Full PDB file with SEQRES, HELIX, SHEET, SSBOND, CRYST1, ORIGX, SCALE, CONECT and MASTER records, all heavy atoms in Angstrom:
SEQRES   1 A   35  SER GLU CYS GLY ARG GLU GLU PRO GLY GLY ASP MET ALA          
SEQRES   2 A   35  TYR CYS ILE GLU GLY ASP ILE HIS PHE GLU ARG LEU ALA          
SEQRES   3 A   35  VAL GLU ARG ALA ASP GLY SER THR VAL                          
SHEET    1 AA1 2 GLU A   2  GLU A   7  0                                        
SHEET    2 AA1 2 GLY A  10  CYS A  15 -1                                        
CRYST1    1.000    1.000    1.000  90.00  90.00  90.00 P 1           1          
ORIGX1      1.000000  0.000000  0.000000        0.00000                         
ORIGX2      0.000000  1.000000  0.000000        0.00000                         
ORIGX3      0.000000  0.000000  1.000000        0.00000                         
SCALE1      1.000000  0.000000  0.000000        0.00000                         
SCALE2      0.000000  1.000000  0.000000        0.00000                         
SCALE3      0.000000  0.000000  1.000000        0.00000                         
ATOM      1  N   SER A   1     224.443  75.271  48.379  1.00  0.00           N  
ATOM      2  CA  SER A   1     224.328  76.183  49.521  1.00  0.00           C  
ATOM      3  C   SER A   1     224.922  75.498  50.736  1.00  0.00           C  
ATOM      4  O   SER A   1     224.474  74.410  51.121  1.00  0.00           O  
ATOM      5  CB  SER A   1     222.865  76.548  49.790  1.00  0.00           C  
ATOM      6  OG  SER A   1     222.762  77.375  50.942  1.00  0.00           O  
ATOM      7  N   GLU A   2     225.937  76.104  51.299  1.00  0.00           N  
ATOM      8  CA  GLU A   2     226.473  75.658  52.583  1.00  0.00           C  
ATOM      9  C   GLU A   2     225.711  76.436  53.647  1.00  0.00           C  
ATOM     10  O   GLU A   2     225.788  77.669  53.689  1.00  0.00           O  
ATOM     11  CB  GLU A   2     227.971  75.935  52.645  1.00  0.00           C  
ATOM     12  CG  GLU A   2     228.750  75.103  51.637  1.00  0.00           C  
ATOM     13  CD  GLU A   2     230.202  75.516  51.508  1.00  0.00           C  
ATOM     14  OE1 GLU A   2     230.544  76.669  51.885  1.00  0.00           O  
ATOM     15  OE2 GLU A   2     230.997  74.699  51.023  1.00  0.00           O  
ATOM     16  N   CYS A   3     224.978  75.729  54.479  1.00  0.00           N  
ATOM     17  CA  CYS A   3     224.010  76.405  55.331  1.00  0.00           C  
ATOM     18  C   CYS A   3     223.872  75.670  56.661  1.00  0.00           C  
ATOM     19  O   CYS A   3     224.537  74.660  56.907  1.00  0.00           O  
ATOM     20  CB  CYS A   3     222.655  76.473  54.628  1.00  0.00           C  
ATOM     21  SG  CYS A   3     222.000  74.861  54.132  1.00  0.00           S  
ATOM     22  N   GLY A   4     223.014  76.190  57.507  1.00  0.00           N  
ATOM     23  CA  GLY A   4     222.790  75.559  58.799  1.00  0.00           C  
ATOM     24  C   GLY A   4     221.524  76.054  59.436  1.00  0.00           C  
ATOM     25  O   GLY A   4     220.911  77.034  58.984  1.00  0.00           O  
ATOM     26  N   ARG A   5     221.134  75.368  60.478  1.00  0.00           N  
ATOM     27  CA  ARG A   5     219.921  75.763  61.201  1.00  0.00           C  
ATOM     28  C   ARG A   5     219.990  75.238  62.627  1.00  0.00           C  
ATOM     29  O   ARG A   5     220.716  74.283  62.921  1.00  0.00           O  
ATOM     30  CB  ARG A   5     218.668  75.237  60.493  1.00  0.00           C  
ATOM     31  CG  ARG A   5     218.605  73.721  60.405  1.00  0.00           C  
ATOM     32  CD  ARG A   5     217.456  73.261  59.547  1.00  0.00           C  
ATOM     33  NE  ARG A   5     217.324  71.807  59.565  1.00  0.00           N  
ATOM     34  CZ  ARG A   5     216.426  71.129  58.858  1.00  0.00           C  
ATOM     35  NH1 ARG A   5     215.590  71.780  58.052  1.00  0.00           N  
ATOM     36  NH2 ARG A   5     216.360  69.816  58.933  1.00  0.00           N  
ATOM     37  N   GLU A   6     219.203  75.860  63.480  1.00  0.00           N  
ATOM     38  CA  GLU A   6     219.106  75.429  64.866  1.00  0.00           C  
ATOM     39  C   GLU A   6     218.181  74.221  64.937  1.00  0.00           C  
ATOM     40  O   GLU A   6     217.061  74.260  64.430  1.00  0.00           O  
ATOM     41  CB  GLU A   6     218.568  76.572  65.727  1.00  0.00           C  
ATOM     42  CG  GLU A   6     218.525  76.251  67.218  1.00  0.00           C  
ATOM     43  CD  GLU A   6     219.910  76.109  67.830  1.00  0.00           C  
ATOM     44  OE1 GLU A   6     220.852  76.767  67.355  1.00  0.00           O  
ATOM     45  OE2 GLU A   6     220.026  75.318  68.787  1.00  0.00           O  
ATOM     46  N   GLU A   7     218.682  73.150  65.568  1.00  0.00           N  
ATOM     47  CA  GLU A   7     217.909  71.927  65.738  1.00  0.00           C  
ATOM     48  C   GLU A   7     217.909  71.542  67.214  1.00  0.00           C  
ATOM     49  O   GLU A   7     218.656  72.130  68.013  1.00  0.00           O  
ATOM     50  CB  GLU A   7     218.480  70.815  64.860  1.00  0.00           C  
ATOM     51  CG  GLU A   7     218.389  71.142  63.370  1.00  0.00           C  
ATOM     52  CD  GLU A   7     218.828  70.000  62.472  1.00  0.00           C  
ATOM     53  OE1 GLU A   7     219.304  68.966  62.990  1.00  0.00           O  
ATOM     54  OE2 GLU A   7     218.695  70.143  61.238  1.00  0.00           O  
ATOM     55  N   PRO A   8     217.066  70.582  67.613  1.00  0.00           N  
ATOM     56  CA  PRO A   8     217.005  70.219  69.042  1.00  0.00           C  
ATOM     57  C   PRO A   8     218.358  69.897  69.663  1.00  0.00           C  
ATOM     58  O   PRO A   8     218.597  70.193  70.830  1.00  0.00           O  
ATOM     59  CB  PRO A   8     216.077  69.005  69.038  1.00  0.00           C  
ATOM     60  CG  PRO A   8     215.169  69.247  67.878  1.00  0.00           C  
ATOM     61  CD  PRO A   8     216.030  69.888  66.831  1.00  0.00           C  
ATOM     62  N   GLY A   9     219.272  69.319  68.873  1.00  0.00           N  
ATOM     63  CA  GLY A   9     220.584  68.993  69.413  1.00  0.00           C  
ATOM     64  C   GLY A   9     221.598  70.108  69.321  1.00  0.00           C  
ATOM     65  O   GLY A   9     222.760  69.936  69.703  1.00  0.00           O  
ATOM     66  N   GLY A  10     221.182  71.271  68.799  1.00  0.00           N  
ATOM     67  CA  GLY A  10     222.112  72.386  68.634  1.00  0.00           C  
ATOM     68  C   GLY A  10     222.178  72.823  67.180  1.00  0.00           C  
ATOM     69  O   GLY A  10     221.439  72.343  66.316  1.00  0.00           O  
ATOM     70  N   ASP A  11     223.090  73.733  66.896  1.00  0.00           N  
ATOM     71  CA  ASP A  11     223.246  74.252  65.544  1.00  0.00           C  
ATOM     72  C   ASP A  11     223.843  73.179  64.655  1.00  0.00           C  
ATOM     73  O   ASP A  11     224.899  72.623  64.958  1.00  0.00           O  
ATOM     74  CB  ASP A  11     224.139  75.498  65.568  1.00  0.00           C  
ATOM     75  CG  ASP A  11     224.066  76.277  64.279  1.00  0.00           C  
ATOM     76  OD1 ASP A  11     222.972  76.351  63.685  1.00  0.00           O  
ATOM     77  OD2 ASP A  11     225.107  76.815  63.847  1.00  0.00           O  
ATOM     78  N   MET A  12     223.188  72.872  63.515  1.00  0.00           N  
ATOM     79  CA  MET A  12     223.653  71.846  62.591  1.00  0.00           C  
ATOM     80  C   MET A  12     223.999  72.482  61.247  1.00  0.00           C  
ATOM     81  O   MET A  12     223.266  73.333  60.750  1.00  0.00           O  
ATOM     82  CB  MET A  12     222.575  70.780  62.388  1.00  0.00           C  
ATOM     83  CG  MET A  12     222.344  69.900  63.598  1.00  0.00           C  
ATOM     84  SD  MET A  12     223.749  68.786  63.905  1.00  0.00           S  
ATOM     85  CE  MET A  12     223.712  67.775  62.439  1.00  0.00           C  
ATOM     86  N   ALA A  13     225.124  72.052  60.679  1.00  0.00           N  
ATOM     87  CA  ALA A  13     225.566  72.560  59.382  1.00  0.00           C  
ATOM     88  C   ALA A  13     225.306  71.520  58.301  1.00  0.00           C  
ATOM     89  O   ALA A  13     225.416  70.308  58.533  1.00  0.00           O  
ATOM     90  CB  ALA A  13     227.059  72.902  59.428  1.00  0.00           C  
ATOM     91  N   TYR A  14     224.968  72.003  57.106  1.00  0.00           N  
ATOM     92  CA  TYR A  14     224.646  71.130  55.984  1.00  0.00           C  
ATOM     93  C   TYR A  14     225.244  71.699  54.699  1.00  0.00           C  
ATOM     94  O   TYR A  14     225.580  72.884  54.610  1.00  0.00           O  
ATOM     95  CB  TYR A  14     223.137  71.029  55.786  1.00  0.00           C  
ATOM     96  CG  TYR A  14     222.397  70.360  56.909  1.00  0.00           C  
ATOM     97  CD1 TYR A  14     221.886  71.111  57.972  1.00  0.00           C  
ATOM     98  CD2 TYR A  14     222.184  68.980  56.905  1.00  0.00           C  
ATOM     99  CE1 TYR A  14     221.191  70.498  59.002  1.00  0.00           C  
ATOM    100  CE2 TYR A  14     221.486  68.363  57.936  1.00  0.00           C  
ATOM    101  CZ  TYR A  14     220.994  69.128  58.981  1.00  0.00           C  
ATOM    102  OH  TYR A  14     220.306  68.513  59.995  1.00  0.00           O  
ATOM    103  N   CYS A  15     225.318  70.841  53.698  1.00  0.00           N  
ATOM    104  CA  CYS A  15     225.567  71.289  52.329  1.00  0.00           C  
ATOM    105  C   CYS A  15     224.485  70.662  51.460  1.00  0.00           C  
ATOM    106  O   CYS A  15     224.311  69.437  51.464  1.00  0.00           O  
ATOM    107  CB  CYS A  15     226.952  70.876  51.838  1.00  0.00           C  
ATOM    108  SG  CYS A  15     227.298  71.431  50.142  1.00  0.00           S  
ATOM    109  N   ILE A  16     223.748  71.493  50.750  1.00  0.00           N  
ATOM    110  CA  ILE A  16     222.761  71.011  49.792  1.00  0.00           C  
ATOM    111  C   ILE A  16     223.216  71.446  48.404  1.00  0.00           C  
ATOM    112  O   ILE A  16     223.578  72.609  48.191  1.00  0.00           O  
ATOM    113  CB  ILE A  16     221.339  71.508  50.130  1.00  0.00           C  
ATOM    114  CG1 ILE A  16     220.327  70.925  49.140  1.00  0.00           C  
ATOM    115  CG2 ILE A  16     221.262  73.012  50.221  1.00  0.00           C  
ATOM    116  CD1 ILE A  16     218.875  71.128  49.547  1.00  0.00           C  
ATOM    117  N   GLU A  17     223.239  70.497  47.476  1.00  0.00           N  
ATOM    118  CA  GLU A  17     223.727  70.737  46.123  1.00  0.00           C  
ATOM    119  C   GLU A  17     222.688  70.256  45.122  1.00  0.00           C  
ATOM    120  O   GLU A  17     221.873  69.386  45.424  1.00  0.00           O  
ATOM    121  CB  GLU A  17     225.032  69.970  45.876  1.00  0.00           C  
ATOM    122  CG  GLU A  17     226.128  70.245  46.886  1.00  0.00           C  
ATOM    123  CD  GLU A  17     227.289  69.271  46.738  1.00  0.00           C  
ATOM    124  OE1 GLU A  17     228.137  69.493  45.853  1.00  0.00           O  
ATOM    125  OE2 GLU A  17     227.327  68.277  47.483  1.00  0.00           O  
ATOM    126  N   GLY A  18     222.734  70.810  43.934  1.00  0.00           N  
ATOM    127  CA  GLY A  18     221.802  70.411  42.902  1.00  0.00           C  
ATOM    128  C   GLY A  18     222.442  70.373  41.535  1.00  0.00           C  
ATOM    129  O   GLY A  18     223.457  71.027  41.283  1.00  0.00           O  
ATOM    130  N   ASP A  19     221.817  69.602  40.656  1.00  0.00           N  
ATOM    131  CA  ASP A  19     222.306  69.398  39.300  1.00  0.00           C  
ATOM    132  C   ASP A  19     221.081  69.344  38.398  1.00  0.00           C  
ATOM    133  O   ASP A  19     220.259  68.434  38.527  1.00  0.00           O  
ATOM    134  CB  ASP A  19     223.097  68.083  39.255  1.00  0.00           C  
ATOM    135  CG  ASP A  19     223.704  67.788  37.905  1.00  0.00           C  
ATOM    136  OD1 ASP A  19     224.082  68.741  37.213  1.00  0.00           O  
ATOM    137  OD2 ASP A  19     223.812  66.600  37.559  1.00  0.00           O  
ATOM    138  N   ILE A  20     220.914  70.340  37.518  1.00  0.00           N  
ATOM    139  CA  ILE A  20     219.746  70.434  36.649  1.00  0.00           C  
ATOM    140  C   ILE A  20     220.217  70.362  35.201  1.00  0.00           C  
ATOM    141  O   ILE A  20     221.058  71.154  34.776  1.00  0.00           O  
ATOM    142  CB  ILE A  20     218.982  71.750  36.891  1.00  0.00           C  
ATOM    143  CG1 ILE A  20     218.547  71.864  38.358  1.00  0.00           C  
ATOM    144  CG2 ILE A  20     217.762  71.840  35.969  1.00  0.00           C  
ATOM    145  CD1 ILE A  20     217.964  73.228  38.715  1.00  0.00           C  
ATOM    146  N   HIS A  21     219.666  69.413  34.443  1.00  0.00           N  
ATOM    147  CA  HIS A  21     219.984  69.270  33.014  1.00  0.00           C  
ATOM    148  C   HIS A  21     218.768  69.750  32.228  1.00  0.00           C  
ATOM    149  O   HIS A  21     217.662  69.231  32.411  1.00  0.00           O  
ATOM    150  CB  HIS A  21     220.324  67.823  32.693  1.00  0.00           C  
ATOM    151  CG  HIS A  21     221.581  67.358  33.348  1.00  0.00           C  
ATOM    152  ND1 HIS A  21     222.696  66.975  32.630  1.00  0.00           N  
ATOM    153  CD2 HIS A  21     221.916  67.236  34.664  1.00  0.00           C  
ATOM    154  CE1 HIS A  21     223.665  66.627  33.478  1.00  0.00           C  
ATOM    155  NE2 HIS A  21     223.204  66.783  34.711  1.00  0.00           N  
ATOM    156  N   PHE A  22     218.950  70.704  31.351  1.00  0.00           N  
ATOM    157  CA  PHE A  22     217.834  71.442  30.768  1.00  0.00           C  
ATOM    158  C   PHE A  22     218.125  71.845  29.329  1.00  0.00           C  
ATOM    159  O   PHE A  22     219.262  71.763  28.851  1.00  0.00           O  
ATOM    160  CB  PHE A  22     217.564  72.688  31.617  1.00  0.00           C  
ATOM    161  CG  PHE A  22     218.711  73.665  31.636  1.00  0.00           C  
ATOM    162  CD1 PHE A  22     218.762  74.736  30.764  1.00  0.00           C  
ATOM    163  CD2 PHE A  22     219.785  73.489  32.523  1.00  0.00           C  
ATOM    164  CE1 PHE A  22     219.830  75.623  30.768  1.00  0.00           C  
ATOM    165  CE2 PHE A  22     220.852  74.371  32.537  1.00  0.00           C  
ATOM    166  CZ  PHE A  22     220.874  75.441  31.654  1.00  0.00           C  
ATOM    167  N   GLU A  23     217.072  72.333  28.666  1.00  0.00           N  
ATOM    168  CA  GLU A  23     217.199  72.800  27.286  1.00  0.00           C  
ATOM    169  C   GLU A  23     217.324  74.324  27.213  1.00  0.00           C  
ATOM    170  O   GLU A  23     218.115  74.841  26.439  1.00  0.00           O  
ATOM    171  CB  GLU A  23     215.976  72.348  26.469  1.00  0.00           C  
ATOM    172  CG  GLU A  23     215.931  70.851  26.211  1.00  0.00           C  
ATOM    173  CD  GLU A  23     217.109  70.366  25.385  1.00  0.00           C  
ATOM    174  OE1 GLU A  23     217.574  71.107  24.489  1.00  0.00           O  
ATOM    175  OE2 GLU A  23     217.578  69.236  25.653  1.00  0.00           O  
ATOM    176  N   ARG A  24     216.530  75.039  28.007  1.00  0.00           N  
ATOM    177  CA  ARG A  24     216.484  76.500  27.891  1.00  0.00           C  
ATOM    178  C   ARG A  24     216.551  77.138  29.273  1.00  0.00           C  
ATOM    179  O   ARG A  24     216.010  76.600  30.244  1.00  0.00           O  
ATOM    180  CB  ARG A  24     215.188  76.939  27.185  1.00  0.00           C  
ATOM    181  CG  ARG A  24     215.117  76.480  25.728  1.00  0.00           C  
ATOM    182  CD  ARG A  24     213.726  76.649  25.165  1.00  0.00           C  
ATOM    183  NE  ARG A  24     212.750  75.818  25.880  1.00  0.00           N  
ATOM    184  CZ  ARG A  24     212.571  74.520  25.661  1.00  0.00           C  
ATOM    185  NH1 ARG A  24     213.308  73.892  24.744  1.00  0.00           N  
ATOM    186  NH2 ARG A  24     211.668  73.835  26.348  1.00  0.00           N  
ATOM    187  N   LEU A  25     217.180  78.309  29.318  1.00  0.00           N  
ATOM    188  CA  LEU A  25     217.314  79.066  30.567  1.00  0.00           C  
ATOM    189  C   LEU A  25     216.785  80.480  30.355  1.00  0.00           C  
ATOM    190  O   LEU A  25     217.106  81.133  29.358  1.00  0.00           O  
ATOM    191  CB  LEU A  25     218.778  79.128  30.998  1.00  0.00           C  
ATOM    192  CG  LEU A  25     219.111  80.060  32.169  1.00  0.00           C  
ATOM    193  CD1 LEU A  25     218.418  79.590  33.454  1.00  0.00           C  
ATOM    194  CD2 LEU A  25     220.621  80.142  32.379  1.00  0.00           C  
ATOM    195  N   ALA A  26     215.978  80.928  31.309  1.00  0.00           N  
ATOM    196  CA  ALA A  26     215.533  82.316  31.349  1.00  0.00           C  
ATOM    197  C   ALA A  26     215.759  82.843  32.755  1.00  0.00           C  
ATOM    198  O   ALA A  26     215.941  82.083  33.697  1.00  0.00           O  
ATOM    199  CB  ALA A  26     214.054  82.427  30.961  1.00  0.00           C  
ATOM    200  N   VAL A  27     215.750  84.166  32.898  1.00  0.00           N  
ATOM    201  CA  VAL A  27     215.912  84.813  34.202  1.00  0.00           C  
ATOM    202  C   VAL A  27     214.729  85.746  34.419  1.00  0.00           C  
ATOM    203  O   VAL A  27     214.334  86.477  33.508  1.00  0.00           O  
ATOM    204  CB  VAL A  27     217.238  85.590  34.282  1.00  0.00           C  
ATOM    205  CG1 VAL A  27     217.375  86.268  35.646  1.00  0.00           C  
ATOM    206  CG2 VAL A  27     218.428  84.655  34.036  1.00  0.00           C  
ATOM    207  N   GLU A  28     214.183  85.705  35.628  1.00  0.00           N  
ATOM    208  CA  GLU A  28     213.070  86.580  35.980  1.00  0.00           C  
ATOM    209  C   GLU A  28     213.357  87.285  37.295  1.00  0.00           C  
ATOM    210  O   GLU A  28     214.078  86.768  38.151  1.00  0.00           O  
ATOM    211  CB  GLU A  28     211.766  85.777  36.135  1.00  0.00           C  
ATOM    212  CG  GLU A  28     211.268  85.143  34.854  1.00  0.00           C  
ATOM    213  CD  GLU A  28     210.009  84.328  35.087  1.00  0.00           C  
ATOM    214  OE1 GLU A  28     209.614  84.164  36.270  1.00  0.00           O  
ATOM    215  OE2 GLU A  28     209.422  83.852  34.106  1.00  0.00           O  
ATOM    216  N   ARG A  29     212.740  88.458  37.460  1.00  0.00           N  
ATOM    217  CA  ARG A  29     212.697  89.114  38.758  1.00  0.00           C  
ATOM    218  C   ARG A  29     211.597  88.472  39.596  1.00  0.00           C  
ATOM    219  O   ARG A  29     210.822  87.648  39.117  1.00  0.00           O  
ATOM    220  CB  ARG A  29     212.443  90.613  38.584  1.00  0.00           C  
ATOM    221  CG  ARG A  29     213.644  91.376  38.037  1.00  0.00           C  
ATOM    222  CD  ARG A  29     213.322  92.850  37.916  1.00  0.00           C  
ATOM    223  NE  ARG A  29     214.513  93.624  37.601  1.00  0.00           N  
ATOM    224  CZ  ARG A  29     215.324  94.154  38.505  1.00  0.00           C  
ATOM    225  NH1 ARG A  29     215.073  93.986  39.798  1.00  0.00           N  
ATOM    226  NH2 ARG A  29     216.391  94.841  38.142  1.00  0.00           N  
ATOM    227  N   ALA A  30     211.514  88.888  40.852  1.00  0.00           N  
ATOM    228  CA  ALA A  30     210.524  88.300  41.750  1.00  0.00           C  
ATOM    229  C   ALA A  30     209.099  88.586  41.304  1.00  0.00           C  
ATOM    230  O   ALA A  30     208.179  87.828  41.616  1.00  0.00           O  
ATOM    231  CB  ALA A  30     210.744  88.806  43.170  1.00  0.00           C  
ATOM    232  N   ASP A  31     208.889  89.684  40.560  1.00  0.00           N  
ATOM    233  CA  ASP A  31     207.545  90.005  40.082  1.00  0.00           C  
ATOM    234  C   ASP A  31     207.189  89.288  38.787  1.00  0.00           C  
ATOM    235  O   ASP A  31     206.113  89.518  38.219  1.00  0.00           O  
ATOM    236  CB  ASP A  31     207.381  91.517  39.903  1.00  0.00           C  
ATOM    237  CG  ASP A  31     208.329  92.102  38.852  1.00  0.00           C  
ATOM    238  OD1 ASP A  31     209.054  91.339  38.181  1.00  0.00           O  
ATOM    239  OD2 ASP A  31     208.352  93.352  38.712  1.00  0.00           O  
ATOM    240  N   GLY A  32     208.087  88.438  38.298  1.00  0.00           N  
ATOM    241  CA  GLY A  32     207.826  87.682  37.083  1.00  0.00           C  
ATOM    242  C   GLY A  32     208.297  88.344  35.813  1.00  0.00           C  
ATOM    243  O   GLY A  32     208.225  87.737  34.731  1.00  0.00           O  
ATOM    244  N   SER A  33     208.777  89.580  35.888  1.00  0.00           N  
ATOM    245  CA  SER A  33     209.271  90.247  34.681  1.00  0.00           C  
ATOM    246  C   SER A  33     210.578  89.614  34.227  1.00  0.00           C  
ATOM    247  O   SER A  33     211.398  89.175  35.032  1.00  0.00           O  
ATOM    248  CB  SER A  33     209.457  91.745  34.935  1.00  0.00           C  
ATOM    249  OG  SER A  33     210.383  91.971  35.987  1.00  0.00           O  
ATOM    250  N   THR A  34     210.758  89.567  32.924  1.00  0.00           N  
ATOM    251  CA  THR A  34     211.915  88.886  32.334  1.00  0.00           C  
ATOM    252  C   THR A  34     213.158  89.773  32.356  1.00  0.00           C  
ATOM    253  O   THR A  34     213.085  90.977  32.076  1.00  0.00           O  
ATOM    254  CB  THR A  34     211.603  88.486  30.884  1.00  0.00           C  
ATOM    255  OG1 THR A  34     210.484  87.593  30.872  1.00  0.00           O  
ATOM    256  CG2 THR A  34     212.798  87.791  30.239  1.00  0.00           C  
ATOM    257  N   VAL A  35     214.274  89.155  32.682  1.00  0.00           N  
ATOM    258  CA  VAL A  35     215.578  89.805  32.566  1.00  0.00           C  
ATOM    259  C   VAL A  35     216.324  89.092  31.438  1.00  0.00           C  
ATOM    260  O   VAL A  35     216.617  87.903  31.564  1.00  0.00           O  
ATOM    261  CB  VAL A  35     216.392  89.700  33.872  1.00  0.00           C  
ATOM    262  CG1 VAL A  35     217.753  90.361  33.703  1.00  0.00           C  
ATOM    263  CG2 VAL A  35     215.636  90.309  35.028  1.00  0.00           C  
TER     264      VAL A  35                                                      
MASTER        0    0    0    0    2    0    0    6  263    1    0    3          
END                                                                             
């Protein structure tokens, strides 16, 4: 996610990245129902 937020020194931009190594993937809606 390339993102930003207002901080005491002004608007600051960031990049946060992630790397997940896993066995199984599922997808859910916000109510927990499976897609």
